């Protein structure tokens, strides 16, 4: 809005009131840098998906370990319950002997003390299994504790050569590291696009009311803009060095992931063998401890020994049963470790 029309030789060259507008449309025609960034974005998406799979793998492994922990605590609770029942039976027998005039007070007190000790261990085991169930429920996304079903069996165990091959191909952490290597390698390879020119098309329709001597009512203009990067203060060279460093870092991370995966497989394989041997020995020990307890109880009833031998046999049988639980858990954990190390879980 002007104070008045601008008139020259009787013609208005600039109206007092004017309305003008334009729209600019820019279309990239040849932009190699943007095309490379598009490709890099696809690589980043693939890397993010691999990282998400790795996170799910970690959660699955933690859930499986929590499931085994519930099983182990349940077995321990069962063995302590049997030990408590055995101690109760011994205490009742000692009390009956005392009441019948053939026993003594110290035998009853010792038997009662063994019951109290076993009961304390039983209550502690109850707290442990409650915590294990709560931990399993959290990992499964439940608002309540979750119990473990011991009827679920772990998948078949691969041999060491197959496990080593699977670890390099299936483990999510290795796949994530490999995806980062590919993404950073493409960044380095596409560095040449930073030195290429760009070609952009620009179209601009316009409107001018009232028209002037140099500006019609409507019109348009179009341009082809070619930009050639000559100097940018060294930014492209610095970015290229950074990309090479990232590529080297990703390659080292992949080598470390593969090395760790192979080490995990070998360690799990050896652990399974040793755990199976330990489990067999623990079961033999528990069987012999139960037999020794039965013999001690029989001798005590016949008056051939004191209840010290019975209490000692009860403790040895309880410790042997606990050792079996620990060995069973170690054997299951070893098989789970091999599945995790080989990438077959989940």
Protein backbone atom coordinates (compact mmCIF):
# COMPACT_ATOMS: atom_id res chain seq x y z
CA UNK A 1 0.00 0.00 0.00
CA UNK A 2 1.43 3.33 -1.13
CA UNK A 3 0.17 6.82 -0.51
CA UNK A 4 -1.00 7.07 -4.14
CA UNK A 5 -0.58 5.65 -7.60
CA UNK A 6 2.71 6.28 -9.36
CA UNK A 7 1.92 7.73 -12.81
CA UNK A 8 4.30 8.27 -15.71
CA UNK A 9 3.06 9.83 -18.98
CA UNK A 10 -0.49 9.19 -17.99
CA UNK A 11 0.10 5.51 -17.21
CA UNK A 12 0.11 3.93 -13.78
CA UNK A 13 3.49 2.28 -13.23
CA UNK A 14 2.93 1.38 -9.58
CA UNK A 15 -0.51 1.20 -8.05
CA UNK A 16 -1.23 2.57 -4.67
CA UNK A 17 -2.62 -0.82 -3.66
CA UNK A 18 -0.77 -3.90 -4.99
CA UNK A 19 -1.12 -7.62 -4.50
CA UNK A 20 1.68 -9.95 -5.50
CA UNK A 21 2.59 -13.53 -4.74
CA UNK A 22 4.72 -16.40 -5.98
CA UNK A 23 5.31 -20.08 -5.35
CA UNK A 24 8.75 -21.65 -5.64
CA UNK A 25 9.04 -25.35 -6.51
CA UNK A 26 12.51 -26.87 -6.22
CA UNK A 27 13.11 -30.34 -7.65
CA UNK A 28 16.47 -32.11 -7.14
CA UNK A 29 17.38 -33.63 -10.46
CA UNK A 30 20.91 -34.91 -9.92
CA UNK A 31 21.92 -34.95 -6.23
CA UNK A 32 24.36 -37.83 -5.60
CA UNK A 33 24.91 -36.93 -1.95
CA UNK A 34 21.22 -37.28 -1.15
CA UNK A 35 21.01 -40.56 -3.01
CA UNK A 36 23.91 -41.89 -0.95
CA UNK A 37 22.23 -40.71 2.26
CA UNK A 38 19.09 -42.54 1.22
CA UNK A 39 21.11 -45.73 0.89
CA UNK A 40 22.79 -45.09 4.22
CA UNK A 41 19.39 -44.63 5.86
CA UNK A 42 18.39 -48.09 4.66
CA UNK A 43 21.58 -49.45 6.21
CA UNK A 44 20.74 -47.70 9.47
CA UNK A 45 17.28 -49.26 9.45
CA UNK A 46 18.80 -52.72 8.94
CA UNK A 47 21.25 -52.09 11.78
CA UNK A 48 18.45 -50.91 14.08
CA UNK A 49 16.43 -54.03 13.31
CA UNK A 50 19.45 -56.20 14.05
CA UNK A 51 19.94 -54.36 17.35
CA UNK A 52 16.27 -54.92 18.21
CA UNK A 53 16.69 -58.64 17.50
CA UNK A 54 19.75 -58.63 19.76
CA UNK A 55 17.71 -57.04 22.55
CA UNK A 56 15.00 -59.68 22.16
CA UNK A 57 17.71 -62.36 22.26
CA UNK A 58 19.07 -60.93 25.51
CA UNK A 59 15.61 -60.84 27.07
CA UNK A 60 14.93 -64.41 25.93
CA UNK A 61 18.22 -65.59 27.44
CA UNK A 62 17.45 -63.83 30.73
CA UNK A 63 13.96 -65.34 30.76
CA UNK A 64 15.33 -68.83 30.16
CA UNK A 65 17.81 -68.42 32.99
CA UNK A 66 15.04 -67.18 35.29
CA UNK A 67 12.96 -70.22 34.30
CA UNK A 68 15.84 -72.54 35.23
CA UNK A 69 16.30 -70.66 38.50
CA UNK A 70 12.67 -71.34 39.43
CA UNK A 71 13.13 -75.04 38.62
CA UNK A 72 16.29 -75.22 40.73
CA UNK A 73 14.63 -73.48 43.67
CA UNK A 74 11.64 -75.81 43.41
CA UNK A 75 13.90 -78.89 43.46
CA UNK A 76 15.75 -77.47 46.43
CA UNK A 77 12.46 -76.80 48.20
CA UNK A 78 11.32 -80.37 47.57
CA UNK A 79 14.57 -81.86 48.90
CA UNK A 80 14.44 -79.69 52.02
CA UNK A 81 10.81 -80.68 52.57
CA UNK A 82 11.79 -84.35 52.50
CA UNK A 83 14.68 -83.62 54.85
CA UNK A 84 12.34 -81.81 57.24
CA UNK A 85 9.90 -84.72 57.19
CA UNK A 86 12.74 -87.14 57.92
CA UNK A 87 13.91 -84.97 60.83
CA UNK A 88 10.36 -84.80 62.18
CA UNK A 89 10.05 -88.57 62.06
CA UNK A 90 13.35 -88.91 63.92
CA UNK A 91 12.26 -86.39 66.56
CA UNK A 92 8.95 -88.19 67.07
CA UNK A 93 10.78 -91.49 67.44
CA UNK A 94 13.22 -89.97 69.95
CA UNK A 95 10.31 -88.53 71.92
CA UNK A 96 8.53 -91.90 71.89
CA UNK A 97 11.66 -93.59 73.20
CA UNK A 98 11.95 -91.02 75.98
CA UNK A 99 8.29 -91.39 76.87
CA UNK A 100 8.70 -95.18 76.95
CA UNK A 101 11.61 -94.94 79.33
CA UNK A 102 14.23 -96.33 76.95
CA UNK A 103 15.53 -93.03 75.55
CA UNK A 104 17.10 -89.93 76.98
CA UNK A 105 16.46 -86.23 76.86
CA UNK A 106 19.58 -85.33 74.94
CA UNK A 107 18.52 -87.51 72.01
CA UNK A 108 15.17 -85.73 71.82
CA UNK A 109 16.81 -82.29 72.05
CA UNK A 110 19.28 -83.13 69.29
CA UNK A 111 16.48 -84.39 67.05
CA UNK A 112 14.39 -81.27 67.76
CA UNK A 113 17.37 -79.04 66.98
CA UNK A 114 17.78 -80.79 63.62
CA UNK A 115 14.09 -80.17 62.88
CA UNK A 116 14.46 -76.47 63.68
CA UNK A 117 17.57 -76.17 61.48
CA UNK A 118 15.88 -77.89 58.55
CA UNK A 119 12.75 -75.79 59.00
CA UNK A 120 14.82 -72.59 58.86
CA UNK A 121 16.47 -73.75 55.63
CA UNK A 122 13.06 -74.66 54.25
CA UNK A 123 11.66 -71.20 54.94
CA UNK A 124 14.71 -69.57 53.34
CA UNK A 125 14.19 -71.73 50.26
CA UNK A 126 10.55 -70.61 50.18
CA UNK A 127 11.65 -66.97 50.04
CA UNK A 128 14.16 -67.79 47.28
CA UNK A 129 11.59 -69.51 45.07
CA UNK A 130 9.15 -66.65 45.60
CA UNK A 131 11.75 -64.15 44.39
CA UNK A 132 12.64 -66.37 41.43
CA UNK A 133 8.98 -66.56 40.40
CA UNK A 134 8.61 -62.80 40.68
CA UNK A 135 11.72 -62.28 38.53
CA UNK A 136 10.34 -64.65 35.91
CA UNK A 137 7.03 -62.81 35.93
CA UNK A 138 8.76 -59.47 35.37
CA UNK A 139 10.68 -60.82 32.37
CA UNK A 140 7.48 -62.26 30.91
CA UNK A 141 5.63 -58.97 31.37
CA UNK A 142 3.26 -60.34 34.00
CA UNK A 143 1.93 -58.44 37.00
CA UNK A 144 1.95 -61.64 39.04
CA UNK A 145 4.61 -64.25 39.85
CA UNK A 146 5.01 -66.96 37.22
CA UNK A 147 5.85 -70.55 38.01
CA UNK A 148 8.02 -72.71 35.77
CA UNK A 149 6.76 -75.87 34.15
CA UNK A 150 9.44 -78.55 34.43
CA UNK A 151 7.78 -80.52 31.63
CA UNK A 152 9.25 -78.04 29.13
CA UNK A 153 12.45 -79.45 27.66
CA UNK A 154 15.33 -77.55 26.13
CA UNK A 155 15.84 -78.05 22.38
CA UNK A 156 18.40 -80.52 21.13
CA UNK A 157 22.02 -79.63 21.65
CA UNK A 158 24.16 -79.08 18.54
CA UNK A 159 27.63 -80.54 18.23
CA UNK A 160 30.60 -78.23 18.66
CA UNK A 161 31.35 -77.81 14.91
CA UNK A 162 27.71 -77.04 14.14
CA UNK A 163 27.47 -74.71 17.14
CA UNK A 164 30.56 -72.78 16.02
CA UNK A 165 29.10 -72.36 12.54
CA UNK A 166 25.72 -71.30 13.94
CA UNK A 167 27.34 -68.81 16.30
CA UNK A 168 28.92 -66.97 13.37
CA UNK A 169 25.71 -66.99 11.34
CA UNK A 170 22.82 -66.86 13.83
CA UNK A 171 23.89 -64.99 16.95
CA UNK A 172 22.08 -61.63 17.01
CA UNK A 173 25.05 -59.75 18.49
CA UNK A 174 27.28 -61.01 15.66
CA UNK A 175 24.64 -60.10 13.08
CA UNK A 176 24.34 -56.61 14.57
CA UNK A 177 28.10 -56.16 14.43
CA UNK A 178 28.14 -57.39 10.83
CA UNK A 179 25.35 -54.96 9.90
CA UNK A 180 27.38 -52.09 11.38
CA UNK A 181 30.40 -53.18 9.36
CA UNK A 182 28.36 -53.13 6.17
CA UNK A 183 26.82 -49.75 6.99
CA UNK A 184 30.12 -48.07 7.85
CA UNK A 185 31.80 -49.66 4.84
CA UNK A 186 29.19 -48.15 2.56
CA UNK A 187 29.78 -44.76 4.18
CA UNK A 188 33.45 -44.98 3.28
CA UNK A 189 32.77 -46.20 -0.25
CA UNK A 190 30.25 -43.42 -0.93
CA UNK A 191 32.57 -40.63 0.18
CA UNK A 192 33.19 -39.73 -3.48
CA UNK A 193 29.65 -38.35 -3.78
CA UNK A 194 30.66 -35.39 -1.57
CA UNK A 195 32.80 -34.10 -4.44
CA UNK A 196 30.14 -34.30 -7.16
CA UNK A 197 28.07 -31.32 -8.41
CA UNK A 198 24.32 -31.12 -7.94
CA UNK A 199 21.67 -30.12 -10.43
CA UNK A 200 18.41 -28.63 -9.17
CA UNK A 201 15.36 -27.48 -11.15
CA UNK A 202 13.51 -24.39 -9.85
CA UNK A 203 10.05 -23.31 -11.13
CA UNK A 204 8.35 -20.12 -9.90
CA UNK A 205 4.87 -18.97 -11.01
CA UNK A 206 3.91 -15.47 -9.90
CA UNK A 207 0.94 -13.10 -9.71
CA UNK A 208 1.05 -9.26 -9.76
CA UNK A 209 -2.05 -7.08 -9.51
CA UNK A 210 -2.12 -4.48 -10.90
CA UNK A 211 0.52 -5.31 -13.48
CA UNK A 212 3.37 -2.90 -14.03
CA UNK A 213 5.49 -1.99 -16.99
CA UNK A 214 7.96 -4.74 -16.13
CA UNK A 215 5.70 -7.21 -14.28
CA UNK A 216 2.64 -8.71 -16.01
CA UNK A 217 -0.42 -9.92 -14.17
CA UNK A 218 0.71 -13.55 -14.21
CA UNK A 219 3.79 -15.40 -15.38
CA UNK A 220 6.41 -17.94 -14.46
CA UNK A 221 10.09 -18.56 -14.63
CA UNK A 222 12.20 -21.73 -14.54
CA UNK A 223 15.86 -22.33 -13.78
CA UNK A 224 18.39 -25.14 -13.81
CA UNK A 225 20.88 -24.51 -11.00
CA UNK A 226 24.19 -26.39 -11.17
CA UNK A 227 26.26 -26.25 -7.97
CA UNK A 228 29.89 -27.35 -7.99
CA UNK A 229 31.53 -27.74 -4.53
CA UNK A 230 35.00 -26.25 -4.82
CA UNK A 231 35.99 -25.54 -1.24
CA UNK A 232 34.25 -26.23 2.07
CA UNK A 233 36.99 -25.58 4.61
CA UNK A 234 38.07 -29.25 4.78
CA UNK A 235 34.70 -30.58 5.96
CA UNK A 236 34.58 -33.39 3.41
CA UNK A 237 38.08 -34.60 4.26
CA UNK A 238 37.32 -34.58 7.97
CA UNK A 239 34.08 -36.50 7.41
CA UNK A 240 35.97 -39.05 5.32
CA UNK A 241 38.52 -39.64 8.10
CA UNK A 242 35.70 -40.01 10.62
CA UNK A 243 33.92 -42.58 8.45
CA UNK A 244 37.09 -44.62 8.08
CA UNK A 245 37.55 -44.59 11.84
CA UNK A 246 33.97 -45.75 12.34
CA UNK A 247 34.51 -48.52 9.78
CA UNK A 248 37.68 -49.68 11.56
CA UNK A 249 35.87 -49.62 14.90
CA UNK A 250 32.98 -51.67 13.49
CA UNK A 251 35.39 -54.21 12.01
CA UNK A 252 37.15 -54.61 15.35
CA UNK A 253 33.80 -55.00 17.11
CA UNK A 254 32.81 -57.74 14.67
CA UNK A 255 36.10 -59.58 15.20
CA UNK A 256 35.59 -59.36 18.96
CA UNK A 257 31.98 -60.58 18.69
CA UNK A 258 33.04 -63.59 16.60
CA UNK A 259 35.90 -64.37 18.97
CA UNK A 260 33.58 -64.12 21.98
CA UNK A 261 30.95 -66.28 20.28
CA UNK A 262 33.47 -69.04 19.54
CA UNK A 263 34.80 -68.85 23.10
CA UNK A 264 31.26 -69.10 24.49
CA UNK A 265 30.56 -72.19 22.39
CA UNK A 266 33.75 -73.95 23.46
CA UNK A 267 33.21 -73.01 27.10
CA UNK A 268 29.61 -74.23 27.04
CA UNK A 269 30.62 -77.52 25.40
CA UNK A 270 33.25 -78.22 28.04
CA UNK A 271 30.85 -77.08 30.76
CA UNK A 272 28.21 -79.58 29.64
CA UNK A 273 30.65 -82.48 29.82
CA UNK A 274 31.91 -81.48 33.24
CA UNK A 275 28.41 -80.77 34.55
CA UNK A 276 27.17 -84.20 33.42
CA UNK A 277 30.05 -85.89 35.23
CA UNK A 278 29.40 -83.82 38.34
CA UNK A 279 25.68 -84.66 38.20
CA UNK A 280 26.36 -88.39 37.97
CA UNK A 281 28.72 -88.18 40.95
CA UNK A 282 26.23 -86.09 42.95
CA UNK A 283 23.45 -88.59 42.30
CA UNK A 284 25.68 -91.46 43.42
CA UNK A 285 26.55 -89.48 46.53
CA UNK A 286 22.88 -88.79 47.27
CA UNK A 287 21.98 -92.45 46.78
CA UNK A 288 24.74 -93.57 49.15
CA UNK A 289 23.78 -90.85 51.65
CA UNK A 290 20.15 -92.05 51.65
CA UNK A 291 21.34 -95.62 52.15
CA UNK A 292 23.61 -94.53 55.01
CA UNK A 293 20.68 -92.66 56.59
CA UNK A 294 18.46 -95.72 56.38
CA UNK A 295 21.18 -97.87 57.97
CA UNK A 296 21.77 -95.30 60.74
CA UNK A 297 18.04 -95.10 61.50
CA UNK A 298 17.77 -98.87 61.58
CA UNK A 299 20.78 -99.18 63.90
CA UNK A 300 19.38 -96.48 66.18
CA UNK A 301 16.03 -98.23 66.44
CA UNK A 302 17.83 -101.43 67.34
CA UNK A 303 19.88 -99.62 69.97
CA UNK A 304 23.17 -100.29 68.20
CA UNK A 305 24.06 -96.59 67.83
CA UNK A 306 23.21 -93.17 69.16
CA UNK A 307 21.18 -90.50 67.48
CA UNK A 308 24.41 -88.62 66.71
CA UNK A 309 24.96 -91.03 63.85
CA UNK A 310 21.38 -90.49 62.70
CA UNK A 311 21.65 -86.71 62.81
CA UNK A 312 24.96 -86.80 60.99
CA UNK A 313 23.44 -89.08 58.35
CA UNK A 314 20.45 -86.75 58.01
CA UNK A 315 22.70 -83.76 57.42
CA UNK A 316 24.83 -85.63 54.93
CA UNK A 317 21.71 -86.79 53.07
CA UNK A 318 20.36 -83.21 53.01
CA UNK A 319 23.66 -81.83 51.77
CA UNK A 320 23.87 -84.55 49.12
CA UNK A 321 20.34 -83.78 47.93
CA UNK A 322 21.24 -80.09 47.71
CA UNK A 323 24.34 -80.99 45.73
CA UNK A 324 22.17 -82.92 43.28
CA UNK A 325 19.94 -79.87 42.83
CA UNK A 326 22.98 -77.69 42.20
CA UNK A 327 24.45 -80.21 39.75
CA UNK A 328 21.15 -80.56 37.89
CA UNK A 329 20.89 -76.80 37.59
CA UNK A 330 24.49 -76.59 36.34
CA UNK A 331 23.78 -79.24 33.70
CA UNK A 332 20.65 -77.41 32.51
CA UNK A 333 22.47 -74.07 32.58
CA UNK A 334 25.28 -75.56 30.49
CA UNK A 335 22.85 -76.71 27.82
CA UNK A 336 21.15 -73.34 27.87
CA UNK A 337 24.53 -71.63 27.56
CA UNK A 338 25.29 -73.69 24.45
CA UNK A 339 21.95 -72.75 22.88
CA UNK A 340 22.58 -69.08 23.63
CA UNK A 341 26.18 -69.21 22.45
CA UNK A 342 25.23 -70.86 19.18
CA UNK A 343 22.40 -68.39 18.50
CA UNK A 344 19.70 -71.07 18.56
CA UNK A 345 17.78 -69.33 21.34
CA UNK A 346 15.16 -68.12 20.86
